[in-house]
Amino acid sequence: MSQKTWNIYLSGEIHTDWRERIVEGAKARGLAVQFSSAVTDHDASDLVGVNILGSEEDPFWRDRKASGINSIRTSTHIKNADLVVVRFGPKYKQWNAAFDAGFAVALGKPVISLHDAEHDHALKEVDEAAKATCRHPEQVVDILAYLLS
C-alpha cells in the first residue's frame, strides 16, 4: 500500500530561509510531501507583467499586470494543496500572505501560520482561522511528521 504524498503550499515572506528549513527538515525525516510556493525572486515576480505584456508608465498598472499573472499560480497551488503554511516575517507587512491565508481557509484548506510573537495581535484573526500557529519552521516540520505518521 502506498503512502499519500501531501501537497504543501508555502506562502509568505521571501527574505529569510524559512522555506528551505521546512523543505530540508521534511526531507531529512523522509516525509511524503511535495512543496510549492510563489515565485520567490522578488524582481521576477514584480516585473512578470511588464516583462511579458509590455511596459507601463504607471506603477499601479505595472503591479496590476504582475499580480494578475502571479495570482494564477498562487490560486492554482492553493487549490491543489492539502495544507497551506503562511509565514509572516518581521520586516515587511505581507498583505498577500494574509490574502493567501484567507483564500485557503475559504476553500476549506488547513492553514498553519508561522510568525514571531510580536505579530500575535496583528494576526489574531489569521491565527484564529489557522489550525496551528508556529514560531519556528522546525515546528512546522514536527507537525508534518505527526500528521504523516
Protein backbone atom coordinates (compact mmCIF):
# COMPACT_ATOMS: atom_id res chain seq x y z
CA MET A 1 0.00 0.00 0.00
CA SER A 2 1.49 3.36 -0.98
CA GLN A 3 1.53 6.38 1.28
CA LYS A 4 -0.21 9.52 0.04
CA THR A 5 2.12 12.36 -0.85
CA TRP A 6 0.86 15.59 0.68
CA ASN A 7 0.99 18.83 -1.33
CA ILE A 8 2.14 21.68 0.90
CA TYR A 9 1.94 25.30 -0.28
CA LEU A 10 4.43 27.67 1.36
CA SER A 11 3.15 31.24 1.32
CA GLY A 12 4.57 34.45 2.67
CA GLU A 13 7.74 36.39 3.12
CA ILE A 14 10.66 35.76 0.82
CA HIS A 15 13.55 37.36 2.70
CA THR A 16 14.58 34.55 5.06
CA ASP A 17 15.37 30.84 4.76
CA TRP A 18 12.18 29.52 6.39
CA ARG A 19 11.12 27.64 3.24
CA GLU A 20 14.47 25.89 2.92
CA ARG A 21 14.39 24.91 6.61
CA ILE A 22 10.97 23.29 6.18
CA VAL A 23 11.88 21.55 2.93
CA GLU A 24 15.20 20.26 4.30
CA GLY A 25 13.61 19.21 7.59
CA ALA A 26 10.89 17.25 5.78
CA LYS A 27 13.48 15.63 3.52
CA ALA A 28 15.68 14.67 6.48
CA ARG A 29 12.71 12.97 8.11
CA GLY A 30 11.68 11.18 4.93
CA LEU A 31 8.23 12.75 4.86
CA ALA A 32 5.98 12.06 1.86
CA VAL A 33 5.45 15.70 0.90
CA GLN A 34 5.97 17.94 -2.06
CA PHE A 35 6.19 21.69 -1.78
CA SER A 36 5.12 24.59 -3.95
CA SER A 37 5.24 28.33 -3.42
CA ALA A 38 5.05 31.69 -5.06
CA VAL A 39 7.98 32.89 -7.15
CA THR A 40 10.50 33.95 -4.51
CA ASP A 41 12.69 36.08 -6.79
CA HIS A 42 11.25 39.49 -5.91
CA ASP A 43 12.14 41.22 -9.18
CA ALA A 44 10.97 38.30 -11.32
CA SER A 45 7.63 38.32 -9.52
CA ASP A 46 7.13 42.10 -9.53
CA LEU A 47 8.12 42.51 -13.17
CA VAL A 48 6.49 39.43 -14.74
CA GLY A 49 3.64 41.50 -16.16
CA VAL A 50 5.74 44.10 -17.93
CA ASN A 51 8.31 41.51 -18.99
CA ILE A 52 5.63 39.51 -20.78
CA LEU A 53 2.88 42.02 -21.61
CA GLY A 54 4.85 45.24 -22.12
CA SER A 55 5.99 48.25 -20.14
CA GLU A 56 3.79 50.53 -18.08
CA GLU A 57 4.37 54.14 -17.05
CA ASP A 58 2.02 53.96 -14.09
CA PRO A 59 3.24 51.73 -11.21
CA PHE A 60 -0.38 50.78 -10.44
CA TRP A 61 -0.78 49.13 -13.84
CA ARG A 62 2.69 47.57 -13.66
CA ASP A 63 1.70 45.95 -10.36
CA ARG A 64 -1.74 45.02 -11.69
CA LYS A 65 -0.23 43.10 -14.62
CA ALA A 66 2.12 41.21 -12.30
CA SER A 67 -0.50 40.45 -9.67
CA GLY A 68 -2.89 39.06 -12.27
CA ILE A 69 -0.31 36.62 -13.60
CA ASN A 70 1.02 35.72 -10.14
CA SER A 71 -2.50 35.09 -8.85
CA ILE A 72 -2.97 32.33 -11.44
CA ARG A 73 0.00 30.48 -9.97
CA THR A 74 -0.90 31.16 -6.34
CA SER A 75 -4.57 30.25 -6.58
CA THR A 76 -3.82 27.07 -8.51
CA HIS A 77 -1.25 25.89 -5.97
CA ILE A 78 -3.51 26.70 -3.01
CA LYS A 79 -6.44 24.89 -4.62
CA ASN A 80 -4.24 21.82 -5.13
CA ALA A 81 -2.71 21.94 -1.63
CA ASP A 82 -3.52 19.58 1.20
CA LEU A 83 -2.10 22.11 3.66
CA VAL A 84 -1.00 25.75 3.46
CA VAL A 85 1.78 27.24 5.59
CA VAL A 86 1.73 31.04 5.76
CA ARG A 87 4.81 32.88 7.03
CA PHE A 88 4.65 36.48 8.22
CA GLY A 89 8.15 37.89 8.54
CA PRO A 90 9.39 40.55 10.91
CA LYS A 91 10.35 43.27 8.44
CA TYR A 92 7.58 43.75 5.87
CA LYS A 93 3.82 43.67 6.02
CA GLN A 94 2.79 40.71 3.89
CA TRP A 95 -0.71 41.63 2.80
CA ASN A 96 -0.52 38.97 0.10
CA ALA A 97 0.20 36.31 2.73
CA ALA A 98 -2.89 37.34 4.70
CA PHE A 99 -4.90 37.12 1.49
CA ASP A 100 -3.48 33.65 0.79
CA ALA A 101 -4.44 32.52 4.30
CA GLY A 102 -7.99 33.78 3.88
CA PHE A 103 -8.31 32.21 0.43
CA ALA A 104 -7.08 28.87 1.75
CA VAL A 105 -9.48 28.95 4.70
CA ALA A 106 -12.37 29.86 2.38
CA LEU A 107 -11.51 26.77 0.31
CA GLY A 108 -11.50 24.62 3.44
CA LYS A 109 -7.73 24.08 3.35
CA PRO A 110 -6.00 23.70 6.71
CA VAL A 111 -3.58 26.53 7.43
CA ILE A 112 -0.54 26.72 9.68
CA SER A 113 0.59 30.27 10.44
CA LEU A 114 4.24 30.98 11.17
CA HIS A 115 5.34 34.23 12.79
CA ASP A 116 7.10 35.82 15.73
CA ALA A 117 5.22 36.70 18.94
CA GLU A 118 5.47 40.41 18.15
CA HIS A 119 2.79 39.92 15.46
CA ASP A 120 0.32 38.00 17.64
CA HIS A 121 -2.10 40.90 17.99
CA ALA A 122 -2.00 41.99 14.35
CA LEU A 123 -2.54 38.40 13.17
CA LYS A 124 -5.10 37.30 15.76
CA GLU A 125 -7.80 36.67 13.13
CA VAL A 126 -5.41 34.74 10.90
CA ASP A 127 -4.24 32.70 13.88
CA GLU A 128 -7.83 32.00 14.92
CA ALA A 129 -8.54 30.53 11.48
CA ALA A 130 -5.26 28.61 11.39
CA LYS A 131 -5.16 25.08 12.78
CA ALA A 132 -1.79 25.82 14.41
CA THR A 133 0.49 28.80 14.93
CA CYS A 134 4.23 28.16 14.93
CA ARG A 135 7.18 30.32 15.90
CA HIS A 136 9.88 28.33 14.06
CA PRO A 137 9.99 26.39 10.78
CA GLU A 138 11.11 23.30 12.67
CA GLN A 139 7.76 23.26 14.48
CA VAL A 140 6.04 23.08 11.09
CA VAL A 141 8.20 20.05 10.24
CA ASP A 142 7.26 18.45 13.58
CA ILE A 143 3.56 18.96 12.76
CA LEU A 144 4.03 17.47 9.29
CA ALA A 145 5.81 14.45 10.80
CA TYR A 146 2.93 13.96 13.24
CA LEU A 147 0.28 14.30 10.51
CA LEU A 148 2.00 11.80 8.24
CA SER A 149 2.78 9.22 10.94
